Amino acid sequence: MVQARTRAERYIAAQKQEPEFPQAHADASRRILQVDALVRALDDARDRQGMTKAELARRAGMAPEAVRRMFSAEGMNPTAATLVALADALGLEVVARRRR
């Protein structure tokens, strides 16, 4: 006997049947990858500068635990203001450019 699926699983299955789902999924995936790449670039810059996460947090005016979570937790979705504050503290700027 098959177990009943959860409401969330039924919802997702129904959404996948909608004609706009593939494009919406692709758009969301692209955005997630861009945020992830930006967070990784900031963490790499921090590491290259020999700066601890706590020092970066202090320079950006943020709580150290928030910076630690952002660089280590799955599924983080930082605000643009947070990313810009961290970039600024690293002597970087966030610049928008046309996708390739």
Protein backbone atom coordinates (compact mmCIF):
# COMPACT_ATOMS: atom_id res chain seq x y z
CA MET A 1 0.00 0.00 0.00
CA VAL A 2 1.32 3.47 -0.92
CA GLN A 3 1.46 6.06 1.83
CA ALA A 4 -0.53 9.23 1.34
CA ARG A 5 1.65 12.08 0.12
CA THR A 6 1.99 15.21 2.16
CA ARG A 7 0.11 18.36 1.28
CA ALA A 8 3.42 19.97 0.26
CA GLU A 9 4.26 17.09 -2.06
CA ARG A 10 0.80 17.26 -3.65
CA TYR A 11 1.15 21.03 -4.08
CA ILE A 12 4.56 20.70 -5.76
CA ALA A 13 3.30 17.91 -8.03
CA ALA A 14 0.39 20.12 -9.10
CA GLN A 15 2.68 23.11 -9.69
CA LYS A 16 4.92 21.00 -11.93
CA GLN A 17 1.92 20.41 -14.18
CA GLU A 18 1.44 24.15 -14.81
CA PRO A 19 2.79 25.31 -18.21
CA GLU A 20 4.78 28.18 -16.68
CA PHE A 21 6.53 25.94 -14.14
CA PRO A 22 9.66 25.11 -16.19
CA GLN A 23 10.46 28.77 -16.82
CA ALA A 24 9.69 29.81 -13.23
CA HIS A 25 11.89 27.00 -11.95
CA ALA A 26 14.73 28.00 -14.28
CA ASP A 27 14.43 31.66 -13.20
CA ALA A 28 14.47 30.77 -9.50
CA SER A 29 17.43 28.41 -9.96
CA ARG A 30 19.41 31.09 -11.81
CA ARG A 31 18.77 33.60 -9.03
CA ILE A 32 19.77 31.14 -6.31
CA LEU A 33 22.99 30.34 -8.15
CA GLN A 34 23.81 34.04 -8.50
CA VAL A 35 23.30 34.71 -4.79
CA ASP A 36 25.38 31.65 -3.94
CA ALA A 37 28.19 32.76 -6.27
CA LEU A 38 28.19 36.24 -4.74
CA VAL A 39 28.32 34.88 -1.19
CA ARG A 40 31.18 32.54 -2.15
CA ALA A 41 33.06 35.41 -3.83
CA LEU A 42 32.73 37.53 -0.67
CA ASP A 43 33.93 34.66 1.51
CA ASP A 44 36.87 34.02 -0.85
CA ALA A 45 37.81 37.72 -0.71
CA ARG A 46 37.59 37.64 3.08
CA ASP A 47 39.86 34.61 3.17
CA ARG A 48 42.39 36.13 0.73
CA GLN A 49 42.56 39.23 2.93
CA GLY A 50 43.23 37.06 5.98
CA MET A 51 40.17 38.43 7.72
CA THR A 52 38.15 36.38 10.16
CA LYS A 53 34.37 36.22 9.86
CA ALA A 54 34.14 38.03 13.19
CA GLU A 55 36.36 40.85 11.92
CA LEU A 56 34.31 41.13 8.72
CA ALA A 57 31.15 41.29 10.80
CA ARG A 58 32.60 44.04 12.98
CA ARG A 59 33.69 46.09 9.96
CA ALA A 60 30.27 45.64 8.33
CA GLY A 61 28.39 46.50 11.54
CA MET A 62 26.81 43.05 11.73
CA ALA A 63 26.50 40.36 14.35
CA PRO A 64 29.33 37.80 14.02
CA GLU A 65 26.89 34.87 14.19
CA ALA A 66 24.93 36.29 11.24
CA VAL A 67 28.07 36.39 9.10
CA ARG A 68 29.12 32.90 10.20
CA ARG A 69 25.67 31.53 9.32
CA MET A 70 25.63 33.25 5.96
CA PHE A 71 28.94 31.70 4.94
CA SER A 72 28.16 28.23 6.29
CA ALA A 73 24.40 27.57 6.20
CA GLU A 74 22.51 26.02 3.31
CA GLY A 75 19.74 28.02 1.70
CA MET A 76 20.72 31.46 2.98
CA ASN A 77 19.02 34.32 1.18
CA PRO A 78 20.80 37.49 2.31
CA THR A 79 19.40 40.89 1.48
CA ALA A 80 21.11 43.15 -1.04
CA ALA A 81 21.91 45.54 1.82
CA THR A 82 23.73 42.76 3.68
CA LEU A 83 25.75 41.77 0.62
CA VAL A 84 26.67 45.39 -0.11
CA ALA A 85 27.70 45.98 3.52
CA LEU A 86 29.98 42.95 3.45
CA ALA A 87 31.45 43.93 0.08
CA ASP A 88 32.07 47.45 1.35
CA ALA A 89 33.82 46.11 4.46
CA LEU A 90 36.07 44.09 2.12
CA GLY A 91 36.85 47.11 -0.04
CA LEU A 92 34.71 45.75 -2.87
CA GLU A 93 31.62 46.95 -4.67
CA VAL A 94 28.68 45.02 -6.03
CA VAL A 95 28.11 45.86 -9.68
CA ALA A 96 25.24 44.75 -11.92
CA ARG A 97 26.09 43.69 -15.45
CA ARG A 98 24.25 42.14 -18.34
CA ARG A 99 24.12 38.35 -18.27
CA ARG A 100 26.34 36.56 -20.71
